[in-house]
C-alpha cells in the first residue's frame, strides 16, 4: 500500500499516541518535575506511547518506519555535533552594562544562531551577558529578551539555526532557500531589538549611581578559548551538503575531533554535560515514531482541514509550536502543505506557505518556556545568577505583550 493510500485509510485514533507524547512532554515537567528529572522515566513515557505505533508500522508500513528512523538519525547527529562543538567554546568577560552593549549582545546572538544553532548560541552568550549585567539590579527583562531573540527568532536563516529548518532540509528544501526569509527575520529581529533597547534604557535610568560606578570599575575584556571548535563548525556546515549517510559520518567525526582537541577546562567552564542531548535523544525517538501516522494522514487529507491562506499556516504552526515542540509541528504542517495538491514550487508546497510554516515554527517557539529546548536552559542559568525568573504563565505574559504585536505586523506585511 502506498503512503497516500495508507494515509487515506488510517483511523484518527492512530494520532492519539503522538498527541499523548507531546502533551506528556509539555505537562509532566510542570506537574511531576521530580519524576521527569530521571532520563529513565522519560524513556519509559516515550516507549509506552510509541510501542503500539512501532508494532503497527512494523507490520503495515515498515518502509515508513525506516524512513522516519533515518530522519531521526540525521536530526540527532546534527544536534549532537552542534551541541558538542559549541560546548567547547568559552566566552568570558564583563563589559559595561549599557543598553547599547546589551543590544549588541542580542544582535550578535541572533546572527550567530544561524551558524551554531539556537542552543549553541544561547549557551555561548548567556553567561557573559549575565556577568556583564551582574552589577545592575533591574535586569529581569534581559534573559527574557535573550530567549526571544537568541534562543528562537534569530535562527531563521539557515537549516543549522533551528531543528525544524534542518528537518525541512532533510526532506529536500534547498539549503539556501531559508535565506529568502531574511526580510521577515530583519523585521522581527529589528522590532524586538528596538523594543529591548528602549526598555533596557528605561531600566538603566532606574539604576543607582553606585551600581553603575561599580559596573564601570569591574570591566574585564571579553576573552574566548576553545576557538579550535570554529574549525569543527565549518566541518559541520561542509558536511550538510553531503548525501546520507556520509553527511552523518561527518557529524560523528566532527564531534569526536572536538572532544579530542578541546581542553577539558573549556567544557568545565561551560558546565558542559550530556544531559540535554540525552533528553533530546530519548524523547525524539518516540516523537519520530508516533508522528508517522499523523504525517501520513495530513499528507493524504490536508484539503479537508480548510487551510488555504498563508496566515493560517503561520498562526497554526506558531500556536502549536508555542506549547509543543516546534520540530514535529513543522513536519505536520509541512506534510499538510504537500497534501493540498497545489503543485507548489518547493517540494509541492507553494513557497509562501512554506515561508509561513518556517517562520511560525521558529518565531513562536519563543512564546513559552517549553516552546523550544534552549528556553528552559537559559531560565536555569539565569536563576544560577540569582535572577528570579517569572513563572511559566508569567513568562507568557511577557512574550504575549512583547511578541504578539510583532506577529501581527509580520502577518500584515508577509502573510495576508
Protein backbone atom coordinates (compact mmCIF):
# COMPACT_ATOMS: atom_id res chain seq x y z
CA UNK A 1 0.00 0.00 0.00
CA UNK A 2 1.35 3.45 -0.93
CA UNK A 3 1.88 6.15 1.70
CA UNK A 4 -1.03 8.17 0.26
CA UNK A 5 -3.41 5.21 0.34
CA UNK A 6 -2.34 4.35 3.87
CA UNK A 7 -2.97 7.93 4.97
CA UNK A 8 -6.46 7.76 3.50
CA UNK A 9 -7.35 4.61 5.44
CA UNK A 10 -5.68 5.30 8.81
CA UNK A 11 -8.02 5.91 11.72
CA UNK A 12 -7.65 9.20 13.58
CA UNK A 13 -7.07 7.11 16.70
CA UNK A 14 -3.56 6.38 15.43
CA UNK A 15 -2.71 10.04 16.15
CA UNK A 16 -3.51 9.66 19.87
CA UNK A 17 -0.02 8.35 20.87
CA UNK A 18 1.61 11.31 19.07
CA UNK A 19 -0.63 13.83 20.84
CA UNK A 20 -0.24 11.96 24.13
CA UNK A 21 3.55 12.01 23.98
CA UNK A 22 3.68 15.72 23.12
CA UNK A 23 1.27 16.55 25.94
CA UNK A 24 3.35 14.43 28.32
CA UNK A 25 6.48 16.38 27.33
CA UNK A 26 4.64 19.66 27.87
CA UNK A 27 2.86 18.86 31.15
CA UNK A 28 4.97 16.36 33.11
CA UNK A 29 7.86 18.79 33.77
CA UNK A 30 5.29 21.11 35.36
CA UNK A 31 3.09 18.55 37.11
CA UNK A 32 5.68 15.93 38.14
CA UNK A 33 9.11 17.61 37.99
CA UNK A 34 10.89 15.06 40.20
CA UNK A 35 9.59 12.15 38.13
CA UNK A 36 10.61 13.93 34.92
CA UNK A 37 14.19 14.61 36.06
CA UNK A 38 15.16 10.95 35.60
CA UNK A 39 16.00 10.04 32.00
CA UNK A 40 14.76 6.50 32.67
CA UNK A 41 11.28 7.88 33.32
CA UNK A 42 11.40 9.97 30.15
CA UNK A 43 12.41 6.82 28.25
CA UNK A 44 9.55 4.87 29.81
CA UNK A 45 7.00 7.51 28.80
CA UNK A 46 8.37 7.68 25.24
CA UNK A 47 8.46 3.88 24.98
CA UNK A 48 4.89 3.35 26.18
CA UNK A 49 3.44 5.93 23.79
CA UNK A 50 5.47 4.77 20.80
CA UNK A 51 5.22 0.99 21.24
CA UNK A 52 1.75 0.47 19.68
CA UNK A 53 2.65 2.64 16.67
CA UNK A 54 6.00 0.92 16.20
CA UNK A 55 4.32 -2.51 16.19
CA UNK A 56 1.60 -1.32 13.81
CA UNK A 57 4.09 0.19 11.37
CA UNK A 58 6.37 -2.82 11.55
CA UNK A 59 3.61 -4.98 10.13
CA UNK A 60 1.68 -2.49 7.98
CA UNK A 61 4.25 0.04 6.71
CA UNK A 62 7.83 -0.93 7.61
CA UNK A 63 9.19 1.36 4.88
CA UNK A 64 7.64 4.42 6.58
CA UNK A 65 9.13 3.39 9.91
CA UNK A 66 12.60 3.01 8.39
CA UNK A 67 12.34 6.42 6.69
CA UNK A 68 11.33 8.07 9.95
CA UNK A 69 14.24 6.47 11.84
CA UNK A 70 16.61 7.63 9.11
CA UNK A 71 15.37 11.19 9.58
CA UNK A 72 15.73 10.77 13.34
CA UNK A 73 19.38 9.72 12.99
CA UNK A 74 20.17 12.74 10.81
CA UNK A 75 18.34 15.09 13.18
CA UNK A 76 20.01 13.75 16.32
CA UNK A 77 23.54 13.60 14.91
CA UNK A 78 23.40 17.21 13.71
CA UNK A 79 22.14 18.44 17.09
CA UNK A 80 24.78 16.37 18.88
CA UNK A 81 27.57 17.76 16.71
CA UNK A 82 26.48 21.37 17.25
CA UNK A 83 25.95 20.72 20.97
CA UNK A 84 29.42 19.22 21.48
CA UNK A 85 31.26 21.72 19.29
CA UNK A 86 29.61 24.83 20.73
CA UNK A 87 30.03 23.42 24.25
CA UNK A 88 33.81 23.63 23.77
CA UNK A 89 33.83 27.39 23.04
CA UNK A 90 34.10 29.59 26.15
CA UNK A 91 33.45 33.33 26.21
CA UNK A 92 34.35 35.18 29.41
CA UNK A 93 34.38 38.83 30.35
CA UNK A 94 32.47 41.69 31.96
CA UNK A 95 31.69 44.71 29.78
CA UNK A 96 29.88 47.94 30.63
CA UNK A 97 26.25 47.02 31.11
CA UNK A 98 24.79 49.76 28.94
CA UNK A 99 21.69 49.38 26.72
CA UNK A 100 23.98 49.68 23.67
CA UNK A 101 26.23 46.82 24.80
CA UNK A 102 23.28 44.61 25.74
CA UNK A 103 21.55 45.26 22.42
CA UNK A 104 24.76 44.37 20.57
CA UNK A 105 24.95 41.10 22.55
CA UNK A 106 21.45 40.16 21.36
CA UNK A 107 22.15 41.13 17.76
CA UNK A 108 25.36 39.07 17.68
CA UNK A 109 23.48 36.14 19.20
CA UNK A 110 20.68 36.40 16.63
CA UNK A 111 23.23 36.23 13.80
CA UNK A 112 25.37 33.54 15.43
CA UNK A 113 22.35 31.30 15.96
CA UNK A 114 22.30 30.65 12.22
CA UNK A 115 25.78 29.10 12.33
CA UNK A 116 25.91 27.16 15.60
CA UNK A 117 22.19 26.75 16.26
CA UNK A 118 19.97 28.49 18.77
CA UNK A 119 21.14 26.11 21.51
CA UNK A 120 24.84 26.72 20.77
CA UNK A 121 24.47 30.49 20.60
CA UNK A 122 22.41 30.53 23.79
CA UNK A 123 24.94 28.51 25.76
CA UNK A 124 27.87 30.56 24.43
CA UNK A 125 26.48 34.03 25.17
CA UNK A 126 24.09 33.84 28.12
CA UNK A 127 26.74 33.64 30.85
CA UNK A 128 28.90 36.57 29.65
CA UNK A 129 25.74 38.64 29.15
CA UNK A 130 24.54 37.92 32.69
CA UNK A 131 28.04 38.56 34.09
CA UNK A 132 28.17 41.88 32.26
CA UNK A 133 24.91 42.91 33.93
CA UNK A 134 25.65 41.43 37.37
CA UNK A 135 26.28 44.87 38.92
CA UNK A 136 22.86 46.15 37.85
CA UNK A 137 19.64 45.45 39.76
CA UNK A 138 16.89 45.93 37.17
CA UNK A 139 17.79 43.15 34.76
CA UNK A 140 14.98 40.59 34.83
CA UNK A 141 13.99 41.50 31.27
CA UNK A 142 17.44 40.70 29.84
CA UNK A 143 17.28 36.85 29.85
CA UNK A 144 13.65 37.06 28.69
CA UNK A 145 14.58 39.06 25.59
CA UNK A 146 17.61 36.78 25.16
CA UNK A 147 15.24 33.80 24.92
CA UNK A 148 13.13 35.68 22.38
CA UNK A 149 15.99 36.55 20.05
CA UNK A 150 18.95 34.22 20.53
CA UNK A 151 17.14 31.04 21.58
CA UNK A 152 14.42 31.32 18.94
CA UNK A 153 13.82 34.15 16.47
CA UNK A 154 17.44 34.60 15.38
CA UNK A 155 17.85 31.09 13.99
CA UNK A 156 15.60 31.53 10.96
CA UNK A 157 18.09 31.92 8.12
CA UNK A 158 19.80 28.53 7.77
CA UNK A 159 18.97 24.86 8.41
CA UNK A 160 21.66 24.98 11.12
CA UNK A 161 19.70 27.62 13.01
CA UNK A 162 16.73 25.67 14.34
CA UNK A 163 15.86 21.94 14.19
CA UNK A 164 12.60 22.39 12.20
CA UNK A 165 14.54 24.01 9.36
CA UNK A 166 17.04 21.17 9.32
CA UNK A 167 14.20 18.68 9.00
CA UNK A 168 12.95 20.71 6.04
CA UNK A 169 16.42 20.40 4.54
CA UNK A 170 16.37 16.65 5.12
CA UNK A 171 13.02 16.49 3.31
CA UNK A 172 14.53 18.24 0.31
CA UNK A 173 14.24 22.01 0.89
CA UNK A 174 17.40 23.59 -0.64
CA UNK A 175 19.99 24.66 1.94
CA UNK A 176 19.97 28.34 0.92
CA UNK A 177 16.19 28.57 0.50
CA UNK A 178 15.79 29.89 4.06
CA UNK A 179 17.83 32.98 3.14
CA UNK A 180 14.65 34.14 1.39
CA UNK A 181 13.27 34.65 4.88
CA UNK A 182 15.73 37.48 5.58
CA UNK A 183 13.12 40.28 5.19
CA UNK A 184 10.90 38.58 7.80
CA UNK A 185 13.94 37.99 10.04
CA UNK A 186 15.02 41.61 9.72
CA UNK A 187 11.57 42.99 10.61
CA UNK A 188 11.18 40.71 13.64
CA UNK A 189 14.75 40.99 14.92
CA UNK A 190 14.74 44.76 14.35
CA UNK A 191 11.42 45.15 16.15
CA UNK A 192 12.47 43.10 19.17
CA UNK A 193 15.87 44.84 19.37
CA UNK A 194 14.23 48.27 19.28
CA UNK A 195 11.76 47.23 21.96
CA UNK A 196 14.61 45.87 24.09
CA UNK A 197 16.80 48.95 23.65
CA UNK A 198 14.03 51.29 24.74
CA UNK A 199 13.00 49.13 27.70
CA UNK A 200 16.57 48.45 28.81
CA UNK A 201 17.29 52.20 28.60
CA UNK A 202 14.29 52.83 30.86
CA UNK A 203 15.53 50.25 33.38
CA UNK A 204 19.10 51.55 33.12
CA UNK A 205 17.98 55.03 34.18
CA UNK A 206 16.47 53.48 37.33
CA UNK A 207 19.84 52.06 38.47
CA UNK A 208 21.59 53.64 41.44
CA UNK A 209 24.77 55.61 40.77
CA UNK A 210 26.92 53.38 42.99
CA UNK A 211 25.90 50.31 41.00
CA UNK A 212 26.77 51.98 37.69
CA UNK A 213 30.13 53.14 39.08
CA UNK A 214 30.88 49.60 40.26
CA UNK A 215 29.90 48.31 36.82
CA UNK A 216 32.41 50.64 35.11
CA UNK A 217 35.19 49.71 37.55
CA UNK A 218 34.77 45.97 37.03
CA UNK A 219 35.15 45.91 33.26
CA UNK A 220 37.01 42.82 32.04
CA UNK A 221 37.60 42.49 28.26
CA UNK A 222 35.95 39.53 26.57
CA UNK A 223 38.24 36.53 26.13
CA UNK A 224 37.46 33.42 24.09
CA UNK A 225 39.00 29.98 24.47
CA UNK A 226 38.35 26.73 22.65
CA UNK A 227 38.47 28.53 19.29
CA UNK A 228 39.63 25.34 17.54
CA UNK A 229 35.93 24.46 17.56
CA UNK A 230 35.20 27.07 14.90
CA UNK A 231 37.09 24.76 12.55
CA UNK A 232 34.74 21.94 13.51
CA UNK A 233 31.72 24.20 12.97
CA UNK A 234 32.99 24.73 9.43
CA UNK A 235 33.16 20.94 9.16
CA UNK A 236 29.52 20.62 10.20
CA UNK A 237 28.49 23.19 7.58
CA UNK A 238 30.50 21.43 4.88
CA UNK A 239 29.02 18.07 5.88
CA UNK A 240 25.49 19.38 5.39
CA UNK A 241 25.96 19.28 1.63
CA UNK A 242 26.82 15.56 1.55
CA UNK A 243 24.21 12.84 1.00
CA UNK A 244 23.09 10.36 3.62
CA UNK A 245 24.97 8.59 5.25
CA UNK A 246 28.21 10.45 4.51
CA UNK A 247 26.71 13.61 5.98
CA UNK A 248 26.01 11.82 9.26
CA UNK A 249 29.52 10.31 9.21
CA UNK A 250 30.97 13.83 9.06
CA UNK A 251 28.81 14.87 12.03
CA UNK A 252 30.16 11.95 14.06
CA UNK A 253 33.75 12.66 13.03
CA UNK A 254 33.45 16.36 13.87
CA UNK A 255 32.01 15.54 17.31
CA UNK A 256 34.92 13.19 18.06
CA UNK A 257 37.52 15.71 16.84
CA UNK A 258 36.00 18.43 19.02
CA UNK A 259 36.22 16.20 22.08
CA UNK A 260 39.83 15.27 21.29
CA UNK A 261 41.10 18.79 20.53
CA UNK A 262 39.33 20.88 23.18
CA UNK A 263 40.88 21.32 26.61
CA UNK A 264 38.78 19.77 29.35
CA UNK A 265 38.80 23.07 31.25
CA UNK A 266 36.76 24.69 28.46
CA UNK A 267 33.87 22.30 28.96
CA UNK A 268 34.23 22.61 32.74
CA UNK A 269 33.95 26.39 32.49
CA UNK A 270 30.81 25.96 30.37
CA UNK A 271 29.39 23.49 32.93
CA UNK A 272 29.01 21.13 29.98
CA UNK A 273 27.04 17.91 30.50
CA UNK A 274 25.37 15.49 28.10
CA UNK A 275 22.02 15.64 29.90
CA UNK A 276 20.27 17.99 27.43
CA UNK A 277 21.24 15.98 24.35
CA UNK A 278 20.37 12.70 26.09
CA UNK A 279 16.90 14.09 26.78
CA UNK A 280 16.52 15.04 23.13
CA UNK A 281 17.66 11.57 22.01
CA UNK A 282 15.19 9.79 24.28
CA UNK A 283 12.13 11.91 23.62
CA UNK A 284 12.59 12.38 19.90
CA UNK A 285 12.97 8.65 19.33
CA UNK A 286 9.37 8.41 20.50
CA UNK A 287 8.28 11.51 18.61
CA UNK A 288 9.67 10.33 15.27
CA UNK A 289 7.82 7.01 15.64
CA UNK A 290 4.47 8.31 16.88
CA UNK A 291 4.26 11.16 14.38
CA UNK A 292 4.32 8.86 11.30
CA UNK A 293 0.52 8.25 11.23
CA UNK A 294 -0.15 11.96 11.79
CA UNK A 295 2.09 12.93 8.88
CA UNK A 296 0.53 10.31 6.58
CA UNK A 297 -2.99 11.47 7.45
CA UNK A 298 -2.15 15.15 6.98
CA UNK A 299 -0.47 14.46 3.66
CA UNK A 300 -3.46 12.48 2.37
CA UNK A 301 -6.33 14.54 3.82
CA UNK A 302 -4.95 18.08 4.13
CA UNK A 303 -7.64 19.56 1.87
CA UNK A 304 -10.31 18.53 4.38
CA UNK A 305 -8.87 20.77 7.13
CA UNK A 306 -9.64 24.08 5.45
CA UNK A 307 -6.14 25.59 5.49
CA UNK A 308 -5.81 27.68 2.35
CA UNK A 309 -4.21 31.01 3.32
CA UNK A 310 -0.61 31.79 4.33
CA UNK A 311 -1.67 33.44 7.58
CA UNK A 312 -3.47 30.26 8.62
CA UNK A 313 -0.27 28.26 8.22
CA UNK A 314 1.72 30.93 10.09
CA UNK A 315 -0.58 31.10 13.10
CA UNK A 316 -1.46 27.39 13.09
CA UNK A 317 2.16 26.31 13.09
CA UNK A 318 3.07 29.03 15.57
CA UNK A 319 0.30 28.27 18.05
CA UNK A 320 1.25 24.61 18.32
CA UNK A 321 4.98 25.46 18.40
CA UNK A 322 4.31 27.61 21.46
CA UNK A 323 3.36 24.63 23.60
CA UNK A 324 4.58 21.55 21.74
CA UNK A 325 7.97 21.01 20.20
CA UNK A 326 8.36 23.05 17.02
CA UNK A 327 10.09 20.27 15.04
CA UNK A 328 7.14 17.82 14.85
CA UNK A 329 4.80 20.81 14.45
CA UNK A 330 6.80 21.97 11.44
CA UNK A 331 6.75 18.48 9.93
CA UNK A 332 2.99 18.15 10.46
CA UNK A 333 2.23 21.40 8.63
CA UNK A 334 4.89 20.62 6.01
CA UNK A 335 3.04 17.37 5.29
CA UNK A 336 -0.26 19.27 5.25
CA UNK A 337 1.13 21.73 2.71
CA UNK A 338 2.15 18.88 0.43
CA UNK A 339 -1.23 17.22 0.85
CA UNK A 340 -3.10 20.21 -0.55
CA UNK A 341 -2.06 19.09 -4.03
CA UNK A 342 -1.27 22.61 -5.25
CA UNK A 343 1.93 21.56 -7.05
CA UNK A 344 3.88 24.36 -5.41
CA UNK A 345 7.43 25.29 -6.31
CA UNK A 346 9.11 23.76 -3.19
CA UNK A 347 8.51 20.01 -2.97
CA UNK A 348 4.90 20.53 -3.99
CA UNK A 349 4.30 23.28 -1.42
CA UNK A 350 3.71 26.89 -2.53
CA UNK A 351 6.69 28.94 -1.40
CA UNK A 352 4.53 31.38 0.55
CA UNK A 353 3.02 28.51 2.57
CA UNK A 354 6.44 27.06 3.39
CA UNK A 355 7.65 30.50 4.46
CA UNK A 356 4.66 30.82 6.79
CA UNK A 357 5.28 27.36 8.26
CA UNK A 358 9.01 28.02 8.77
CA UNK A 359 8.51 31.43 10.35
CA UNK A 360 5.69 30.26 12.61
CA UNK A 361 7.69 27.29 13.90
CA UNK A 362 10.85 29.29 14.62
CA UNK A 363 9.37 32.55 15.92
CA UNK A 364 6.60 31.25 18.13
CA UNK A 365 8.82 28.75 19.90
CA UNK A 366 9.64 31.86 21.96
CA UNK A 367 6.12 32.10 23.37
CA UNK A 368 6.66 29.77 26.33
CA UNK A 369 9.43 28.04 28.26
CA UNK A 370 8.55 24.74 26.58
CA UNK A 371 8.32 26.10 23.04
CA UNK A 372 11.98 25.36 22.28
CA UNK A 373 14.75 23.46 24.07
CA UNK A 374 17.14 26.36 24.86
CA UNK A 375 14.39 28.39 26.57
CA UNK A 376 14.40 26.38 29.76
CA UNK A 377 18.21 26.10 29.77
CA UNK A 378 18.53 29.90 29.74
CA UNK A 379 15.98 30.13 32.56
CA UNK A 380 18.00 27.74 34.72
CA UNK A 381 21.29 29.57 34.07
CA UNK A 382 19.67 32.94 34.85
CA UNK A 383 18.47 31.54 38.17
CA UNK A 384 22.05 30.45 38.92
CA UNK A 385 22.88 34.17 38.71
CA UNK A 386 20.22 34.86 41.38
CA UNK A 387 17.66 36.30 38.97
CA UNK A 388 14.09 35.46 39.95
CA UNK A 389 12.73 34.38 36.59
CA UNK A 390 8.97 34.60 36.01
CA UNK A 391 6.74 31.54 36.33
CA UNK A 392 5.51 29.62 33.30
CA UNK A 393 2.50 31.90 32.87
CA UNK A 394 4.44 34.97 33.99
CA UNK A 395 6.88 34.43 31.15
CA UNK A 396 3.97 34.06 28.73
CA UNK A 397 2.63 37.42 29.90
CA UNK A 398 5.94 38.95 28.76
CA UNK A 399 6.05 37.04 25.47
CA UNK A 400 2.45 37.81 24.55
CA UNK A 401 2.79 41.50 25.42
CA UNK A 402 6.08 41.92 23.52
CA UNK A 403 5.79 39.48 20.61
CA UNK A 404 2.14 39.18 19.62
CA UNK A 405 2.00 42.75 18.24
CA UNK A 406 5.08 41.99 16.12
CA UNK A 407 3.50 38.75 14.88
CA UNK A 408 0.55 40.81 13.62
CA UNK A 409 2.99 43.13 11.84
CA UNK A 410 4.66 40.11 10.22
CA UNK A 411 1.26 38.73 9.22
CA UNK A 412 0.20 42.03 7.64
CA UNK A 413 3.50 42.50 5.77
CA UNK A 414 4.16 38.96 4.57
CA UNK A 415 1.28 36.50 5.09
CA UNK A 416 -2.03 38.22 4.38
